[in-house]
C-alpha cells in the first residue's frame, strides 16, 4: 500500500510517499512561503515524479499536532480533502513522536522541542530499545526551565532536536547538569518521511475517517486566550 505523508506542523512543509519498505520520494521546504502555497504543489510534484496515480494511495498520514495553529489547520484541511477525494483513511501521528522517530537508534533520551513561544516548548521524552521506540513521556507543552529540571532529575544523556533548539539552546546549556547533544542539520526538523514511517507501524485501528480527523493543539490559541481576557491583538502562528 502506498502512504502519502504530510507535515506542516511547524516552519517546515514536508511531503513524502512511502510503499511497503521503501521511501519513494520526499519533498521538504523550510522557507518563508506559507504552507498553503507549498503543500499541495509538493504532493502534485511527488506524484508526478514517481508516476503515481493518486488512486493508488491507500492512506494519508498526517502530523496531527501539536504545532503551529495555522500550519496544523492547513495540514488538516489538506489531509481531510485528500482523504475524502480519494476515499481513504487518515492516520494521525503525534508531531513530537514523529520527530523523535527520525532519530531512530539514538542512545539515551531523545527530546524534541518545538518552539511554542512564551518560554514554552512542545516536547516529549523517548528512548530506543529492543528495536522499538519507547514513549517515556507523551508530548506536552512545558516551560523550558521545568523541562530542564525534569531532565536533570532523570539523569540520562539527552539528544535535542526541533526549531526550539536555536531559541533555547543557551538557556538549556546553562540549566542542564546531564550530558546533552543536538541533532545535526539534516535531522533537526520535521520530516514527512518520519510521519509516514511511524504511521506504517501502527495497527489498523489507529486510522480514522477523513471526516473524523481533528488536530491536537494541546493548548488554546493566543486569539482564544485574548478573547477570553477581553484583549485583541495580532496573534502568533504558534499561539
Protein backbone atom coordinates (compact mmCIF):
# COMPACT_ATOMS: atom_id res chain seq x y z
CA UNK A 1 0.00 0.00 0.00
CA UNK A 2 1.21 3.49 -0.79
CA UNK A 3 1.00 6.01 2.04
CA UNK A 4 1.13 9.76 1.43
CA UNK A 5 2.57 11.57 4.45
CA UNK A 6 2.27 15.27 5.27
CA UNK A 7 3.77 17.53 7.92
CA UNK A 8 3.01 21.24 8.12
CA UNK A 9 3.01 21.44 11.92
CA UNK A 10 5.93 23.86 12.13
CA UNK A 11 8.09 26.09 9.95
CA UNK A 12 8.89 23.18 7.63
CA UNK A 13 6.49 21.92 4.97
CA UNK A 14 7.13 18.29 4.09
CA UNK A 15 5.50 15.63 1.94
CA UNK A 16 6.55 12.02 1.39
CA UNK A 17 5.34 8.93 -0.47
CA UNK A 18 6.07 5.51 1.02
CA UNK A 19 5.29 2.00 -0.16
CA UNK A 20 5.93 -1.10 1.97
CA UNK A 21 9.62 -0.87 2.94
CA UNK A 22 10.53 1.94 0.52
CA UNK A 23 10.60 5.71 0.76
CA UNK A 24 9.69 6.55 -2.83
CA UNK A 25 10.02 10.31 -2.56
CA UNK A 26 10.24 13.15 -0.07
CA UNK A 27 9.91 16.90 -0.62
CA UNK A 28 10.77 19.22 2.27
CA UNK A 29 10.92 23.01 2.25
CA UNK A 30 11.95 25.34 5.07
CA UNK A 31 11.35 28.72 3.52
CA UNK A 32 9.22 31.81 4.04
CA UNK A 33 6.34 30.72 1.81
CA UNK A 34 3.16 29.69 3.59
CA UNK A 35 2.17 26.05 3.75
CA UNK A 36 -0.98 26.84 1.81
CA UNK A 37 1.30 27.83 -1.09
CA UNK A 38 3.57 24.81 -0.92
CA UNK A 39 1.85 21.68 0.40
CA UNK A 40 -0.46 20.71 -2.48
CA UNK A 41 2.10 21.61 -5.19
CA UNK A 42 4.57 19.34 -3.37
CA UNK A 43 2.03 16.49 -3.39
CA UNK A 44 1.45 17.03 -7.11
CA UNK A 45 5.20 17.04 -7.83
CA UNK A 46 5.86 13.86 -5.84
CA UNK A 47 3.05 12.03 -7.62
CA UNK A 48 4.33 13.27 -10.98
CA UNK A 49 7.95 12.32 -10.33
CA UNK A 50 7.05 8.83 -9.09
CA UNK A 51 4.40 8.33 -11.78
CA UNK A 52 1.84 7.68 -9.06
CA UNK A 53 -1.84 7.86 -9.83
CA UNK A 54 -3.49 9.36 -6.72
CA UNK A 55 -5.94 6.45 -6.85
CA UNK A 56 -3.01 4.20 -5.84
CA UNK A 57 -2.69 5.96 -2.46
CA UNK A 58 -4.17 3.81 0.29
CA UNK A 59 -3.93 6.21 3.24
CA UNK A 60 -2.88 9.73 4.17
CA UNK A 61 -0.61 10.06 7.22
CA UNK A 62 -0.55 13.48 8.83
CA UNK A 63 1.40 15.12 11.65
CA UNK A 64 -1.62 15.66 13.84
CA UNK A 65 -0.23 18.13 16.34
CA UNK A 66 0.85 19.88 18.37
CA UNK A 67 2.45 22.74 16.49
CA UNK A 68 1.62 25.94 14.67
CA UNK A 69 -2.13 26.53 14.79
CA UNK A 70 -2.10 27.82 11.22
CA UNK A 71 0.14 25.03 9.99
CA UNK A 72 -1.92 22.32 11.67
CA UNK A 73 -5.13 23.68 10.17
CA UNK A 74 -3.61 23.78 6.69
CA UNK A 75 -2.32 20.23 7.09
CA UNK A 76 -5.63 19.01 8.46
CA UNK A 77 -7.58 20.60 5.63
CA UNK A 78 -5.21 19.07 3.07
CA UNK A 79 -5.31 15.60 4.63
CA UNK A 80 -9.08 15.66 5.03
CA UNK A 81 -9.58 16.90 1.48
CA UNK A 82 -7.32 14.23 0.03
CA UNK A 83 -8.86 11.54 2.22
CA UNK A 84 -12.37 12.45 1.17
CA UNK A 85 -11.47 12.79 -2.52
CA UNK A 86 -9.55 9.51 -2.63
CA UNK A 87 -11.91 7.75 -0.19
CA UNK A 88 -9.01 6.60 2.00
CA UNK A 89 -8.42 6.80 5.77
CA UNK A 90 -6.28 9.36 7.56
CA UNK A 91 -3.60 8.19 10.00
CA UNK A 92 -2.89 10.88 12.64
CA UNK A 93 0.64 10.78 14.04
CA UNK A 94 1.62 12.87 17.08
CA UNK A 95 4.02 15.51 15.79
CA UNK A 96 6.59 15.11 18.56
CA UNK A 97 6.53 11.30 18.26
CA UNK A 98 7.35 11.58 14.56
CA UNK A 99 10.22 13.97 15.26
CA UNK A 100 11.73 11.55 17.75
CA UNK A 101 11.27 8.64 15.33
CA UNK A 102 13.54 10.46 12.90
CA UNK A 103 16.43 9.90 15.34
CA UNK A 104 15.94 6.13 15.34
CA UNK A 105 18.62 4.32 17.32
CA UNK A 106 19.87 7.33 19.29
CA UNK A 107 21.25 6.44 22.73
CA UNK A 108 19.85 7.92 25.91
CA UNK A 109 16.77 10.11 25.86
CA UNK A 110 15.52 11.88 22.75
CA UNK A 111 13.80 15.19 23.45
CA UNK A 112 12.20 17.04 20.51
CA UNK A 113 11.42 20.70 21.16
CA UNK A 114 9.05 22.81 19.07
CA UNK A 115 9.04 26.48 19.95
CA UNK A 116 5.61 27.23 21.44
CA UNK A 117 6.55 30.80 22.35
CA UNK A 118 6.07 32.35 25.82
CA UNK A 119 9.16 30.45 27.05
CA UNK A 120 7.43 27.15 26.33
CA UNK A 121 8.09 24.21 24.02
CA UNK A 122 6.05 21.28 22.77
CA UNK A 123 8.13 18.31 23.82
CA UNK A 124 8.22 14.66 24.88
CA UNK A 125 10.70 12.05 26.12
CA UNK A 126 11.60 8.99 24.04
CA UNK A 127 14.04 6.11 24.16
CA UNK A 128 15.06 3.42 21.66
CA UNK A 129 15.47 -0.12 22.92
CA UNK A 130 14.99 -3.66 21.59
CA UNK A 131 14.20 -2.47 18.09
CA UNK A 132 11.39 -0.15 19.12
CA UNK A 133 10.75 3.44 20.19
CA UNK A 134 9.52 3.78 23.76
CA UNK A 135 7.41 6.81 24.64
CA UNK A 136 8.81 7.67 28.07
CA UNK A 137 6.57 10.72 28.45
CA UNK A 138 3.89 11.68 25.94
CA UNK A 139 4.06 15.03 24.17
CA UNK A 140 3.06 18.05 26.22
CA UNK A 141 3.65 21.81 26.48
CA UNK A 142 6.22 22.85 29.09
CA UNK A 143 8.28 25.79 30.32
CA UNK A 144 11.95 25.44 29.38
CA UNK A 145 13.13 25.69 32.99
CA UNK A 146 10.78 22.91 34.10
CA UNK A 147 11.83 20.78 31.13
CA UNK A 148 15.49 21.13 32.16
CA UNK A 149 14.61 20.30 35.77
CA UNK A 150 12.86 17.08 34.75
CA UNK A 151 15.75 16.02 32.51
CA UNK A 152 18.27 16.67 35.29
CA UNK A 153 16.13 14.60 37.64
CA UNK A 154 16.05 11.70 35.18
CA UNK A 155 19.84 11.80 34.98
CA UNK A 156 20.28 10.41 31.45
CA UNK A 157 22.17 11.80 28.46
CA UNK A 158 19.76 13.55 26.11
CA UNK A 159 19.65 14.49 22.43
CA UNK A 160 17.60 17.55 21.42
CA UNK A 161 16.10 18.43 18.05
CA UNK A 162 13.48 20.81 16.69
CA UNK A 163 13.02 24.50 16.00
CA UNK A 164 13.04 25.18 19.73
CA UNK A 165 16.74 24.32 19.90
CA UNK A 166 18.14 27.55 18.39
CA UNK A 167 15.73 29.57 20.53
CA UNK A 168 16.51 27.93 23.88
CA UNK A 169 19.90 26.24 23.47
CA UNK A 170 21.85 28.78 25.52
CA UNK A 171 19.33 28.56 28.32
CA UNK A 172 19.40 24.75 28.27
CA UNK A 173 23.19 24.68 28.32
CA UNK A 174 23.13 26.86 31.44
CA UNK A 175 20.44 24.80 33.21
CA UNK A 176 21.30 21.20 32.35
CA UNK A 177 23.52 19.02 34.53
CA UNK A 178 23.15 15.92 32.31
CA UNK A 179 25.18 15.36 29.11
CA UNK A 180 23.38 16.90 26.14
CA UNK A 181 23.87 16.94 22.39
CA UNK A 182 21.95 18.40 19.49
CA UNK A 183 20.82 16.68 16.30
CA UNK A 184 22.69 17.64 13.11
CA UNK A 185 21.15 19.86 10.47
CA UNK A 186 19.65 17.10 8.32
CA UNK A 187 17.86 15.53 11.30
CA UNK A 188 16.86 18.60 13.24
CA UNK A 189 13.40 19.40 11.84
CA UNK A 190 10.14 17.68 10.98
CA UNK A 191 10.15 15.25 8.06
CA UNK A 192 7.10 13.72 6.42
CA UNK A 193 9.11 10.51 5.88
CA UNK A 194 9.22 10.04 9.66
CA UNK A 195 5.47 10.68 9.89
CA UNK A 196 4.78 8.09 7.21
CA UNK A 197 7.24 5.51 8.54
CA UNK A 198 5.80 5.71 12.06
CA UNK A 199 2.23 5.60 10.73
CA UNK A 200 3.03 2.38 8.92
CA UNK A 201 3.93 0.71 12.23
CA UNK A 202 0.51 1.47 13.73
CA UNK A 203 -2.29 -1.09 13.95
CA UNK A 204 -5.18 -0.54 11.54
CA UNK A 205 -7.45 0.85 14.27
CA UNK A 206 -5.27 3.96 14.62
CA UNK A 207 -6.60 5.16 11.24
CA UNK A 208 -9.70 7.37 11.20
CA UNK A 209 -12.07 8.56 8.52
CA UNK A 210 -11.09 11.80 6.82
CA UNK A 211 -14.23 13.44 8.15
CA UNK A 212 -13.45 12.42 11.75
CA UNK A 213 -9.83 13.63 11.87
CA UNK A 214 -9.12 16.57 14.16
CA UNK A 215 -5.67 18.01 15.00
CA UNK A 216 -4.30 18.04 18.56
CA UNK A 217 -3.46 21.56 19.76
CA UNK A 218 -2.54 20.83 23.43
CA UNK A 219 -3.34 24.38 24.44
CA UNK A 220 -5.62 27.25 23.46
CA UNK A 221 -4.54 29.64 20.74
CA UNK A 222 -3.43 33.18 21.60
CA UNK A 223 -6.58 34.52 19.94
CA UNK A 224 -8.77 32.31 22.18
CA UNK A 225 -6.88 33.32 25.33
CA UNK A 226 -7.11 37.00 24.46
CA UNK A 227 -10.79 36.73 23.57
CA UNK A 228 -11.45 35.18 26.98
CA UNK A 229 -9.46 38.00 28.60
CA UNK A 230 -11.17 40.71 26.52
CA UNK A 231 -7.95 41.60 24.67
CA UNK A 232 -7.49 41.92 20.91
CA UNK A 233 -4.01 41.81 19.37
CA UNK A 234 -2.45 40.21 16.33
CA UNK A 235 -1.82 36.53 17.10
CA UNK A 236 1.23 34.34 16.61
CA UNK A 237 1.18 31.33 14.32
CA UNK A 238 2.28 29.22 17.28
CA UNK A 239 -0.04 30.77 19.86
